[in-house]
Amino acid sequence: DAVVLLRDELVLLGPGGVVRVDLDDFEEAARRAFGSRKPAD
């Protein structure tokens, strides 16, 4: 009940920041790479 909430008309996943999704990790790494332009990134 702390991970998935129904608040008003919205269904929320991890509103307290307790959830990590691997797709988010990838998107964050891609943004970092585009910003740095380093091949390693």
Full PDB file with SEQRES, HELIX, SHEET, SSBOND, CRYST1, ORIGX, SCALE, CONECT and MASTER records, all heavy atoms in Angstrom:
SEQRES   1 A   41  ASP ALA VAL VAL LEU LEU ARG ASP GLU LEU VAL LEU LEU          
SEQRES   2 A   41  GLY PRO GLY GLY VAL VAL ARG VAL ASP LEU ASP ASP PHE          
SEQRES   3 A   41  GLU GLU ALA ALA ARG ARG ALA PHE GLY SER ARG LYS PRO          
SEQRES   4 A   41  ALA ASP                                                      
HELIX    1 AA1 ASP A   22  SER A   36  1                                  15    
SHEET    1 AA1 2 VAL A   4  ARG A   7  0                                        
SHEET    2 AA1 2 LEU A  10  LEU A  13 -1                                        
CRYST1    1.000    1.000    1.000  90.00  90.00  90.00 P 1           1          
ORIGX1      1.000000  0.000000  0.000000        0.00000                         
ORIGX2      0.000000  1.000000  0.000000        0.00000                         
ORIGX3      0.000000  0.000000  1.000000        0.00000                         
SCALE1      1.000000  0.000000  0.000000        0.00000                         
SCALE2      0.000000  1.000000  0.000000        0.00000                         
SCALE3      0.000000  0.000000  1.000000        0.00000                         
ATOM      1  N   ASP A   1       0.819  -1.216   0.000  1.00  0.00           N  
ATOM      2  CA  ASP A   1       0.000   0.000   0.000  1.00  0.00           C  
ATOM      3  C   ASP A   1       0.851   1.264   0.000  1.00  0.00           C  
ATOM      4  O   ASP A   1       0.344   2.353  -0.256  1.00  0.00           O  
ATOM      5  CB  ASP A   1      -0.980  -0.010   1.163  1.00  0.00           C  
ATOM      6  CG  ASP A   1      -0.305  -0.171   2.515  1.00  0.00           C  
ATOM      7  OD1 ASP A   1       0.887  -0.526   2.563  1.00  0.00           O  
ATOM      8  OD2 ASP A   1      -0.978   0.045   3.537  1.00  0.00           O  
ATOM      9  N   ALA A   2       2.149   1.146   0.254  1.00  0.00           N  
ATOM     10  CA  ALA A   2       3.045   2.305   0.171  1.00  0.00           C  
ATOM     11  C   ALA A   2       3.706   2.390  -1.198  1.00  0.00           C  
ATOM     12  O   ALA A   2       4.290   3.413  -1.545  1.00  0.00           O  
ATOM     13  CB  ALA A   2       4.110   2.227   1.262  1.00  0.00           C  
ATOM     14  N   VAL A   3       3.621   1.305  -1.966  1.00  0.00           N  
ATOM     15  CA  VAL A   3       4.279   1.265  -3.271  1.00  0.00           C  
ATOM     16  C   VAL A   3       3.306   1.630  -4.393  1.00  0.00           C  
ATOM     17  O   VAL A   3       3.665   2.342  -5.324  1.00  0.00           O  
ATOM     18  CB  VAL A   3       4.898  -0.131  -3.520  1.00  0.00           C  
ATOM     19  CG1 VAL A   3       5.506  -0.215  -4.906  1.00  0.00           C  
ATOM     20  CG2 VAL A   3       5.945  -0.450  -2.465  1.00  0.00           C  
ATOM     21  N   VAL A   4       2.084   1.157  -4.302  1.00  0.00           N  
ATOM     22  CA  VAL A   4       1.062   1.444  -5.308  1.00  0.00           C  
ATOM     23  C   VAL A   4      -0.117   2.079  -4.595  1.00  0.00           C  
ATOM     24  O   VAL A   4      -0.719   1.473  -3.707  1.00  0.00           O  
ATOM     25  CB  VAL A   4       0.607   0.165  -6.046  1.00  0.00           C  
ATOM     26  CG1 VAL A   4      -0.470   0.499  -7.059  1.00  0.00           C  
ATOM     27  CG2 VAL A   4       1.783  -0.509  -6.718  1.00  0.00           C  
ATOM     28  N   LEU A   5      -0.427   3.315  -4.994  1.00  0.00           N  
ATOM     29  CA  LEU A   5      -1.503   4.050  -4.335  1.00  0.00           C  
ATOM     30  C   LEU A   5      -2.552   4.492  -5.331  1.00  0.00           C  
ATOM     31  O   LEU A   5      -2.227   4.788  -6.488  1.00  0.00           O  
ATOM     32  CB  LEU A   5      -0.952   5.313  -3.658  1.00  0.00           C  
ATOM     33  CG  LEU A   5      -0.062   5.108  -2.465  1.00  0.00           C  
ATOM     34  CD1 LEU A   5       1.357   5.381  -2.873  1.00  0.00           C  
ATOM     35  CD2 LEU A   5      -0.479   6.035  -1.377  1.00  0.00           C  
ATOM     36  N   LEU A   6      -3.763   4.570  -4.855  1.00  0.00           N  
ATOM     37  CA  LEU A   6      -4.847   5.194  -5.602  1.00  0.00           C  
ATOM     38  C   LEU A   6      -5.167   6.471  -4.851  1.00  0.00           C  
ATOM     39  O   LEU A   6      -5.690   6.440  -3.736  1.00  0.00           O  
ATOM     40  CB  LEU A   6      -6.062   4.270  -5.670  1.00  0.00           C  
ATOM     41  CG  LEU A   6      -7.294   4.810  -6.375  1.00  0.00           C  
ATOM     42  CD1 LEU A   6      -6.990   5.195  -7.817  1.00  0.00           C  
ATOM     43  CD2 LEU A   6      -8.414   3.783  -6.330  1.00  0.00           C  
ATOM     44  N   ARG A   7      -4.770   7.586  -5.435  1.00  0.00           N  
ATOM     45  CA  ARG A   7      -4.962   8.885  -4.791  1.00  0.00           C  
ATOM     46  C   ARG A   7      -5.826   9.735  -5.710  1.00  0.00           C  
ATOM     47  O   ARG A   7      -5.417  10.056  -6.824  1.00  0.00           O  
ATOM     48  CB  ARG A   7      -3.613   9.560  -4.549  1.00  0.00           C  
ATOM     49  CG  ARG A   7      -3.727  10.819  -3.724  1.00  0.00           C  
ATOM     50  CD  ARG A   7      -2.385  11.441  -3.430  1.00  0.00           C  
ATOM     51  NE  ARG A   7      -1.574  10.577  -2.586  1.00  0.00           N  
ATOM     52  CZ  ARG A   7      -0.245  10.563  -2.595  1.00  0.00           C  
ATOM     53  NH1 ARG A   7       0.419  11.355  -3.405  1.00  0.00           N  
ATOM     54  NH2 ARG A   7       0.422   9.757  -1.806  1.00  0.00           N  
ATOM     55  N   ASP A   8      -7.003  10.067  -5.212  1.00  0.00           N  
ATOM     56  CA  ASP A   8      -7.999  10.774  -6.002  1.00  0.00           C  
ATOM     57  C   ASP A   8      -8.283   9.946  -7.259  1.00  0.00           C  
ATOM     58  O   ASP A   8      -8.731   8.831  -7.147  1.00  0.00           O  
ATOM     59  CB  ASP A   8      -7.553  12.205  -6.332  1.00  0.00           C  
ATOM     60  CG  ASP A   8      -7.360  13.048  -5.067  1.00  0.00           C  
ATOM     61  OD1 ASP A   8      -8.190  12.917  -4.144  1.00  0.00           O  
ATOM     62  OD2 ASP A   8      -6.389  13.815  -5.018  1.00  0.00           O  
ATOM     63  N   GLU A   9      -7.988  10.450  -8.412  1.00  0.00           N  
ATOM     64  CA  GLU A   9      -8.263   9.728  -9.659  1.00  0.00           C  
ATOM     65  C   GLU A   9      -7.011   9.101 -10.263  1.00  0.00           C  
ATOM     66  O   GLU A   9      -7.063   8.537 -11.344  1.00  0.00           O  
ATOM     67  CB  GLU A   9      -8.891  10.688 -10.688  1.00  0.00           C  
ATOM     68  CG  GLU A   9     -10.234  11.271 -10.245  1.00  0.00           C  
ATOM     69  CD  GLU A   9     -11.325  10.208 -10.148  1.00  0.00           C  
ATOM     70  OE1 GLU A   9     -11.488   9.433 -11.107  1.00  0.00           O  
ATOM     71  OE2 GLU A   9     -11.994  10.158  -9.107  1.00  0.00           O  
ATOM     72  N   LEU A  10      -5.871   9.197  -9.550  1.00  0.00           N  
ATOM     73  CA  LEU A  10      -4.599   8.711 -10.086  1.00  0.00           C  
ATOM     74  C   LEU A  10      -4.132   7.439  -9.391  1.00  0.00           C  
ATOM     75  O   LEU A  10      -4.254   7.311  -8.170  1.00  0.00           O  
ATOM     76  CB  LEU A  10      -3.506   9.767  -9.921  1.00  0.00           C  
ATOM     77  CG  LEU A  10      -3.642  11.036 -10.743  1.00  0.00           C  
ATOM     78  CD1 LEU A  10      -2.534  12.016 -10.385  1.00  0.00           C  
ATOM     79  CD2 LEU A  10      -3.607  10.720 -12.227  1.00  0.00           C  
ATOM     80  N   VAL A  11      -3.581   6.531 -10.167  1.00  0.00           N  
ATOM     81  CA  VAL A  11      -2.884   5.371  -9.627  1.00  0.00           C  
ATOM     82  C   VAL A  11      -1.406   5.708  -9.723  1.00  0.00           C  
ATOM     83  O   VAL A  11      -0.901   6.041 -10.802  1.00  0.00           O  
ATOM     84  CB  VAL A  11      -3.221   4.078 -10.400  1.00  0.00           C  
ATOM     85  CG1 VAL A  11      -2.464   2.898  -9.815  1.00  0.00           C  
ATOM     86  CG2 VAL A  11      -4.719   3.821 -10.386  1.00  0.00           C  
ATOM     87  N   LEU A  12      -0.712   5.650  -8.587  1.00  0.00           N  
ATOM     88  CA  LEU A  12       0.680   6.086  -8.486  1.00  0.00           C  
ATOM     89  C   LEU A  12       1.579   4.922  -8.112  1.00  0.00           C  
ATOM     90  O   LEU A  12       1.228   4.106  -7.251  1.00  0.00           O  
ATOM     91  CB  LEU A  12       0.820   7.164  -7.409  1.00  0.00           C  
ATOM     92  CG  LEU A  12      -0.141   8.351  -7.480  1.00  0.00           C  
ATOM     93  CD1 LEU A  12      -0.097   9.150  -6.199  1.00  0.00           C  
ATOM     94  CD2 LEU A  12       0.217   9.206  -8.663  1.00  0.00           C  
ATOM     95  N   LEU A  13       2.744   4.880  -8.713  1.00  0.00           N  
ATOM     96  CA  LEU A  13       3.753   3.879  -8.387  1.00  0.00           C  
ATOM     97  C   LEU A  13       4.912   4.554  -7.675  1.00  0.00           C  
ATOM     98  O   LEU A  13       5.524   5.481  -8.216  1.00  0.00           O  
ATOM     99  CB  LEU A  13       4.268   3.200  -9.664  1.00  0.00           C  
ATOM    100  CG  LEU A  13       5.422   2.216  -9.484  1.00  0.00           C  
ATOM    101  CD1 LEU A  13       4.992   1.023  -8.627  1.00  0.00           C  
ATOM    102  CD2 LEU A  13       5.933   1.747 -10.832  1.00  0.00           C  
ATOM    103  N   GLY A  14       5.182   4.109  -6.472  1.00  0.00           N  
ATOM    104  CA  GLY A  14       6.350   4.576  -5.730  1.00  0.00           C  
ATOM    105  C   GLY A  14       6.447   6.065  -5.536  1.00  0.00           C  
ATOM    106  O   GLY A  14       7.508   6.635  -5.792  1.00  0.00           O  
ATOM    107  N   PRO A  15       5.383   6.724  -5.055  1.00  0.00           N  
ATOM    108  CA  PRO A  15       5.466   8.180  -4.913  1.00  0.00           C  
ATOM    109  C   PRO A  15       6.505   8.640  -3.902  1.00  0.00           C  
ATOM    110  O   PRO A  15       6.949   9.771  -3.953  1.00  0.00           O  
ATOM    111  CB  PRO A  15       4.051   8.581  -4.477  1.00  0.00           C  
ATOM    112  CG  PRO A  15       3.480   7.360  -3.861  1.00  0.00           C  
ATOM    113  CD  PRO A  15       4.100   6.204  -4.582  1.00  0.00           C  
ATOM    114  N   GLY A  16       6.941   7.762  -3.015  1.00  0.00           N  
ATOM    115  CA  GLY A  16       7.956   8.134  -2.032  1.00  0.00           C  
ATOM    116  C   GLY A  16       9.368   7.884  -2.503  1.00  0.00           C  
ATOM    117  O   GLY A  16      10.314   8.014  -1.738  1.00  0.00           O  
ATOM    118  N   GLY A  17       9.546   7.519  -3.765  1.00  0.00           N  
ATOM    119  CA  GLY A  17      10.875   7.281  -4.307  1.00  0.00           C  
ATOM    120  C   GLY A  17      11.457   5.930  -3.939  1.00  0.00           C  
ATOM    121  O   GLY A  17      12.662   5.733  -4.049  1.00  0.00           O  
ATOM    122  N   VAL A  18      10.625   4.991  -3.525  1.00  0.00           N  
ATOM    123  CA  VAL A  18      11.117   3.680  -3.108  1.00  0.00           C  
ATOM    124  C   VAL A  18      11.219   2.699  -4.272  1.00  0.00           C  
ATOM    125  O   VAL A  18      11.685   1.587  -4.091  1.00  0.00           O  
ATOM    126  CB  VAL A  18      10.228   3.067  -2.004  1.00  0.00           C  
ATOM    127  CG1 VAL A  18      10.243   3.929  -0.762  1.00  0.00           C  
ATOM    128  CG2 VAL A  18       8.821   2.853  -2.512  1.00  0.00           C  
ATOM    129  N   VAL A  19      10.795   3.106  -5.448  1.00  0.00           N  
ATOM    130  CA  VAL A  19      10.774   2.213  -6.605  1.00  0.00           C  
ATOM    131  C   VAL A  19      11.810   2.659  -7.625  1.00  0.00           C  
ATOM    132  O   VAL A  19      11.905   3.844  -7.952  1.00  0.00           O  
ATOM    133  CB  VAL A  19       9.370   2.184  -7.251  1.00  0.00           C  
ATOM    134  CG1 VAL A  19       9.367   1.368  -8.527  1.00  0.00           C  
ATOM    135  CG2 VAL A  19       8.346   1.654  -6.273  1.00  0.00           C  
ATOM    136  N   ARG A  20      12.600   1.696  -8.115  1.00  0.00           N  
ATOM    137  CA  ARG A  20      13.538   1.952  -9.211  1.00  0.00           C  
ATOM    138  C   ARG A  20      13.151   1.047 -10.368  1.00  0.00           C  
ATOM    139  O   ARG A  20      12.933  -0.155 -10.175  1.00  0.00           O  
ATOM    140  CB  ARG A  20      14.977   1.631  -8.814  1.00  0.00           C  
ATOM    141  CG  ARG A  20      15.613   2.591  -7.850  1.00  0.00           C  
ATOM    142  CD  ARG A  20      15.810   3.987  -8.369  1.00  0.00           C  
ATOM    143  NE  ARG A  20      16.555   4.049  -9.621  1.00  0.00           N  
ATOM    144  CZ  ARG A  20      16.659   5.131 -10.369  1.00  0.00           C  
ATOM    145  NH1 ARG A  20      16.076   6.243 -10.008  1.00  0.00           N  
ATOM    146  NH2 ARG A  20      17.342   5.110 -11.473  1.00  0.00           N  
ATOM    147  N   VAL A  21      13.082   1.618 -11.559  1.00  0.00           N  
ATOM    148  CA  VAL A  21      12.741   0.877 -12.766  1.00  0.00           C  
ATOM    149  C   VAL A  21      13.973   0.896 -13.666  1.00  0.00           C  
ATOM    150  O   VAL A  21      14.556   1.960 -13.906  1.00  0.00           O  
ATOM    151  CB  VAL A  21      11.521   1.513 -13.474  1.00  0.00           C  
ATOM    152  CG1 VAL A  21      11.175   0.765 -14.747  1.00  0.00           C  
ATOM    153  CG2 VAL A  21      10.320   1.559 -12.530  1.00  0.00           C  
ATOM    154  N   ASP A  22      14.362  -0.276 -14.177  1.00  0.00           N  
ATOM    155  CA  ASP A  22      15.579  -0.347 -14.992  1.00  0.00           C  
ATOM    156  C   ASP A  22      15.498   0.528 -16.236  1.00  0.00           C  
ATOM    157  O   ASP A  22      16.499   1.080 -16.686  1.00  0.00           O  
ATOM    158  CB  ASP A  22      15.924  -1.789 -15.355  1.00  0.00           C  
ATOM    159  CG  ASP A  22      14.899  -2.472 -16.250  1.00  0.00           C  
ATOM    160  OD1 ASP A  22      13.792  -1.944 -16.459  1.00  0.00           O  
ATOM    161  OD2 ASP A  22      15.207  -3.583 -16.732  1.00  0.00           O  
ATOM    162  N   LEU A  23      14.321   0.716 -16.768  1.00  0.00           N  
ATOM    163  CA  LEU A  23      14.148   1.578 -17.936  1.00  0.00           C  
ATOM    164  C   LEU A  23      14.516   3.028 -17.600  1.00  0.00           C  
ATOM    165  O   LEU A  23      15.129   3.723 -18.404  1.00  0.00           O  
ATOM    166  CB  LEU A  23      12.711   1.479 -18.444  1.00  0.00           C  
ATOM    167  CG  LEU A  23      12.397   2.123 -19.778  1.00  0.00           C  
ATOM    168  CD1 LEU A  23      13.242   1.529 -20.888  1.00  0.00           C  
ATOM    169  CD2 LEU A  23      10.913   1.952 -20.091  1.00  0.00           C  
ATOM    170  N   ASP A  24      14.178   3.458 -16.393  1.00  0.00           N  
ATOM    171  CA  ASP A  24      14.566   4.801 -15.943  1.00  0.00           C  
ATOM    172  C   ASP A  24      16.080   4.913 -15.833  1.00  0.00           C  
ATOM    173  O   ASP A  24      16.663   5.940 -16.179  1.00  0.00           O  
ATOM    174  CB  ASP A  24      13.942   5.117 -14.581  1.00  0.00           C  
ATOM    175  CG  ASP A  24      12.433   5.190 -14.618  1.00  0.00           C  
ATOM    176  OD1 ASP A  24      11.855   5.410 -15.698  1.00  0.00           O  
ATOM    177  OD2 ASP A  24      11.814   5.022 -13.545  1.00  0.00           O  
ATOM    178  N   ASP A  25      16.713   3.841 -15.330  1.00  0.00           N  
ATOM    179  CA  ASP A  25      18.179   3.847 -15.214  1.00  0.00           C  
ATOM    180  C   ASP A  25      18.821   4.000 -16.592  1.00  0.00           C  
ATOM    181  O   ASP A  25      19.786   4.748 -16.756  1.00  0.00           O  
ATOM    182  CB  ASP A  25      18.678   2.564 -14.549  1.00  0.00           C  
ATOM    183  CG  ASP A  25      18.207   2.437 -13.107  1.00  0.00           C  
ATOM    184  OD1 ASP A  25      17.846   3.458 -12.490  1.00  0.00           O  
ATOM    185  OD2 ASP A  25      18.209   1.297 -12.598  1.00  0.00           O  
ATOM    186  N   PHE A  26      18.273   3.278 -17.575  1.00  0.00           N  
ATOM    187  CA  PHE A  26      18.803   3.384 -18.938  1.00  0.00           C  
ATOM    188  C   PHE A  26      18.617   4.804 -19.485  1.00  0.00           C  
ATOM    189  O   PHE A  26      19.545   5.386 -20.044  1.00  0.00           O  
ATOM    190  CB  PHE A  26      18.130   2.375 -19.871  1.00  0.00           C  
ATOM    191  CG  PHE A  26      18.372   2.691 -21.323  1.00  0.00           C  
ATOM    192  CD1 PHE A  26      19.645   2.570 -21.869  1.00  0.00           C  
ATOM    193  CD2 PHE A  26      17.342   3.139 -22.126  1.00  0.00           C  
ATOM    194  CE1 PHE A  26      19.880   2.885 -23.203  1.00  0.00           C  
ATOM    195  CE2 PHE A  26      17.562   3.449 -23.455  1.00  0.00           C  
ATOM    196  CZ  PHE A  26      18.831   3.331 -23.993  1.00  0.00           C  
ATOM    197  N   GLU A  27      17.426   5.361 -19.326  1.00  0.00           N  
ATOM    198  CA  GLU A  27      17.169   6.712 -19.850  1.00  0.00           C  
ATOM    199  C   GLU A  27      18.075   7.750 -19.186  1.00  0.00           C  
ATOM    200  O   GLU A  27      18.563   8.666 -19.846  1.00  0.00           O  
ATOM    201  CB  GLU A  27      15.699   7.069 -19.674  1.00  0.00           C  
ATOM    202  CG  GLU A  27      14.793   6.274 -20.602  1.00  0.00           C  
ATOM    203  CD  GLU A  27      13.318   6.548 -20.399  1.00  0.00           C  
ATOM    204  OE1 GLU A  27      12.932   7.056 -19.317  1.00  0.00           O  
ATOM    205  OE2 GLU A  27      12.552   6.256 -21.317  1.00  0.00           O  
ATOM    206  N   GLU A  28      18.308   7.573 -17.891  1.00  0.00           N  
ATOM    207  CA  GLU A  28      19.201   8.483 -17.174  1.00  0.00           C  
ATOM    208  C   GLU A  28      20.630   8.366 -17.709  1.00  0.00           C  
ATOM    209  O   GLU A  28      21.310   9.373 -17.938  1.00  0.00           O  
ATOM    210  CB  GLU A  28      19.161   8.159 -15.683  1.00  0.00           C  
ATOM    211  CG  GLU A  28      19.943   9.096 -14.812  1.00  0.00           C  
ATOM    212  CD  GLU A  28      19.792   8.701 -13.345  1.00  0.00           C  
ATOM    213  OE1 GLU A  28      18.647   8.577 -12.879  1.00  0.00           O  
ATOM    214  OE2 GLU A  28      20.840   8.510 -12.693  1.00  0.00           O  
ATOM    215  N   ALA A  29      21.084   7.149 -17.937  1.00  0.00           N  
ATOM    216  CA  ALA A  29      22.432   6.933 -18.484  1.00  0.00           C  
ATOM    217  C   ALA A  29      22.538   7.493 -19.898  1.00  0.00           C  
ATOM    218  O   ALA A  29      23.572   8.071 -20.271  1.00  0.00           O  
ATOM    219  CB  ALA A  29      22.772   5.440 -18.476  1.00  0.00           C  
ATOM    220  N   ALA A  30      21.474   7.370 -20.697  1.00  0.00           N  
ATOM    221  CA  ALA A  30      21.482   7.916 -22.058  1.00  0.00           C  
ATOM    222  C   ALA A  30      21.565   9.442 -22.025  1.00  0.00           C  
ATOM    223  O   ALA A  30      22.324  10.045 -22.788  1.00  0.00           O  
ATOM    224  CB  ALA A  30      20.245   7.459 -22.818  1.00  0.00           C  
ATOM    225  N   ARG A  31      20.806  10.071 -21.123  1.00  0.00           N  
ATOM    226  CA  ARG A  31      20.883  11.541 -20.989  1.00  0.00           C  
ATOM    227  C   ARG A  31      22.284  11.984 -20.590  1.00  0.00           C  
ATOM    228  O   ARG A  31      22.829  12.954 -21.114  1.00  0.00           O  
ATOM    229  CB  ARG A  31      19.854  12.036 -19.976  1.00  0.00           C  
ATOM    230  CG  ARG A  31      18.467  12.192 -20.520  1.00  0.00           C  
ATOM    231  CD  ARG A  31      17.548  12.950 -19.559  1.00  0.00           C  
ATOM    232  NE  ARG A  31      17.369  12.264 -18.292  1.00  0.00           N  
ATOM    233  CZ  ARG A  31      16.487  11.291 -18.081  1.00  0.00           C  
ATOM    234  NH1 ARG A  31      15.693  10.892 -19.050  1.00  0.00           N  
ATOM    235  NH2 ARG A  31      16.387  10.729 -16.902  1.00  0.00           N  
ATOM    236  N   ARG A  32      22.874  11.241 -19.658  1.00  0.00           N  
ATOM    237  CA  ARG A  32      24.225  11.566 -19.208  1.00  0.00           C  
ATOM    238  C   ARG A  32      25.205  11.444 -20.382  1.00  0.00           C  
ATOM    239  O   ARG A  32      26.073  12.298 -20.579  1.00  0.00           O  
ATOM    240  CB  ARG A  32      24.628  10.637 -18.058  1.00  0.00           C  
ATOM    241  CG  ARG A  32      25.894  11.007 -17.366  1.00  0.00           C  
ATOM    242  CD  ARG A  32      26.182  10.202 -16.086  1.00  0.00           C  
ATOM    243  NE  ARG A  32      25.794   8.800 -16.124  1.00  0.00           N  
ATOM    244  CZ  ARG A  32      24.727   8.281 -15.495  1.00  0.00           C  
ATOM    245  NH1 ARG A  32      23.936   9.059 -14.786  1.00  0.00           N  
ATOM    246  NH2 ARG A  32      24.462   6.997 -15.580  1.00  0.00           N  
ATOM    247  N   ALA A  33      25.049  10.408 -21.193  1.00  0.00           N  
ATOM    248  CA  ALA A  33      25.936  10.207 -22.349  1.00  0.00           C  
ATOM    249  C   ALA A  33      25.774  11.322 -23.368  1.00  0.00           C  
ATOM    250  O   ALA A  33      26.762  11.837 -23.890  1.00  0.00           O  
ATOM    251  CB  ALA A  33      25.646   8.852 -22.987  1.00  0.00           C  
ATOM    252  N   PHE A  34      24.538  11.720 -23.647  1.00  0.00           N  
ATOM    253  CA  PHE A  34      24.316  12.792 -24.616  1.00  0.00           C  
ATOM    254  C   PHE A  34      24.886  14.109 -24.106  1.00  0.00           C  
ATOM    255  O   PHE A  34      25.373  14.924 -24.885  1.00  0.00           O  
ATOM    256  CB  PHE A  34      22.831  12.951 -24.940  1.00  0.00           C  
ATOM    257  CG  PHE A  34      22.275  11.808 -25.743  1.00  0.00           C  
ATOM    258  CD1 PHE A  34      21.087  11.211 -25.367  1.00  0.00           C  
ATOM    259  CD2 PHE A  34      22.921  11.328 -26.871  1.00  0.00           C  
ATOM    260  CE1 PHE A  34      20.562  10.153 -26.097  1.00  0.00           C  
ATOM    261  CE2 PHE A  34      22.411  10.276 -27.605  1.00  0.00           C  
ATOM    262  CZ  PHE A  34      21.224   9.685 -27.213  1.00  0.00           C  
ATOM    263  N   GLY A  35      24.836  14.287 -22.788  1.00  0.00           N  
ATOM    264  CA  GLY A  35      25.388  15.517 -22.209  1.00  0.00           C  
ATOM    265  C   GLY A  35      26.901  15.541 -22.220  1.00  0.00           C  
ATOM    266  O   GLY A  35      27.518  16.560 -22.518  1.00  0.00           O  
ATOM    267  N   SER A  36      27.520  14.418 -21.916  1.00  0.00           N  
ATOM    268  CA  SER A  36      28.980  14.383 -21.819  1.00  0.00           C  
ATOM    269  C   SER A  36      29.649  14.128 -23.168  1.00  0.00           C  
ATOM    270  O   SER A  36      30.784  14.535 -23.381  1.00  0.00           O  
ATOM    271  CB  SER A  36      29.422  13.282 -20.854  1.00  0.00           C  
ATOM    272  OG  SER A  36      29.261  11.997 -21.434  1.00  0.00           O  
ATOM    273  N   ARG A  37      28.941  13.423 -24.055  1.00  0.00           N  
ATOM    274  CA  ARG A  37      29.459  13.033 -25.368  1.00  0.00           C  
ATOM    275  C   ARG A  37      30.693  12.136 -25.271  1.00  0.00           C  
ATOM    276  O   ARG A  37      31.483  12.039 -26.199  1.00  0.00           O  
ATOM    277  CB  ARG A  37      29.755  14.250 -26.231  1.00  0.00           C  
ATOM    278  CG  ARG A  37      28.535  15.104 -26.511  1.00  0.00           C  
ATOM    279  CD  ARG A  37      28.844  16.075 -27.634  1.00  0.00           C  
ATOM    280  NE  ARG A  37      27.670  16.715 -28.178  1.00  0.00           N  
ATOM    281  CZ  ARG A  37      26.816  16.168 -29.037  1.00  0.00           C  
ATOM    282  NH1 ARG A  37      26.969  14.943 -29.436  1.00  0.00           N  
ATOM    283  NH2 ARG A  37      25.793  16.848 -29.505  1.00  0.00           N  
ATOM    284  N   LYS A  38      30.874  11.468 -24.136  1.00  0.00           N  
ATOM    285  CA  LYS A  38      32.014  10.568 -23.950  1.00  0.00           C  
ATOM    286  C   LYS A  38      31.633   9.168 -24.405  1.00  0.00           C  
ATOM    287  O   LYS A  38      30.588   8.647 -24.010  1.00  0.00           O  
ATOM    288  CB  LYS A  38      32.420  10.527 -22.481  1.00  0.00           C  
ATOM    289  CG  LYS A  38      32.951  11.841 -21.968  1.00  0.00           C  
ATOM    290  CD  LYS A  38      33.312  11.723 -20.506  1.00  0.00           C  
ATOM    291  CE  LYS A  38      33.808  13.065 -19.981  1.00  0.00           C  
ATOM    292  NZ  LYS A  38      34.026  13.021 -18.528  1.00  0.00           N  
ATOM    293  N   PRO A  39      32.473   8.529 -25.224  1.00  0.00           N  
ATOM    294  CA  PRO A  39      32.179   7.165 -25.670  1.00  0.00           C  
ATOM    295  C   PRO A  39      31.925   6.189 -24.518  1.00  0.00           C  
ATOM    296  O   PRO A  39      31.067   5.320 -24.609  1.00  0.00           O  
ATOM    297  CB  PRO A  39      33.411   6.772 -26.482  1.00  0.00           C  
ATOM    298  CG  PRO A  39      33.933   8.078 -26.988  1.00  0.00           C  
ATOM    299  CD  PRO A  39      33.678   9.064 -25.871  1.00  0.00           C  
ATOM    300  N   ALA A  40      32.647   6.336 -23.429  1.00  0.00           N  
ATOM    301  CA  ALA A  40      32.455   5.432 -22.290  1.00  0.00           C  
ATOM    302  C   ALA A  40      31.041   5.566 -21.713  1.00  0.00           C  
ATOM    303  O   ALA A  40      30.433   4.572 -21.311  1.00  0.00           O  
ATOM    304  CB  ALA A  40      33.492   5.702 -21.211  1.00  0.00           C  
ATOM    305  N   ASP A  41      30.521   6.791 -21.699  1.00  0.00           N  
ATOM    306  CA  ASP A  41      29.162   6.996 -21.199  1.00  0.00           C  
ATOM    307  C   ASP A  41      28.130   6.401 -22.154  1.00  0.00           C  
ATOM    308  O   ASP A  41      27.123   5.840 -21.724  1.00  0.00           O  
ATOM    309  CB  ASP A  41      28.880   8.484 -20.981  1.00  0.00           C  
ATOM    310  CG  ASP A  41      29.629   9.044 -19.774  1.00  0.00           C  
ATOM    311  OD1 ASP A  41      30.088   8.244 -18.929  1.00  0.00           O  
ATOM    312  OD2 ASP A  41      29.751  10.282 -19.691  1.00  0.00           O  
TER     313      ASP A  41                                                      
MASTER        0    0    0    1    2    0    0    6  312    1    0    4          
END                                                                             
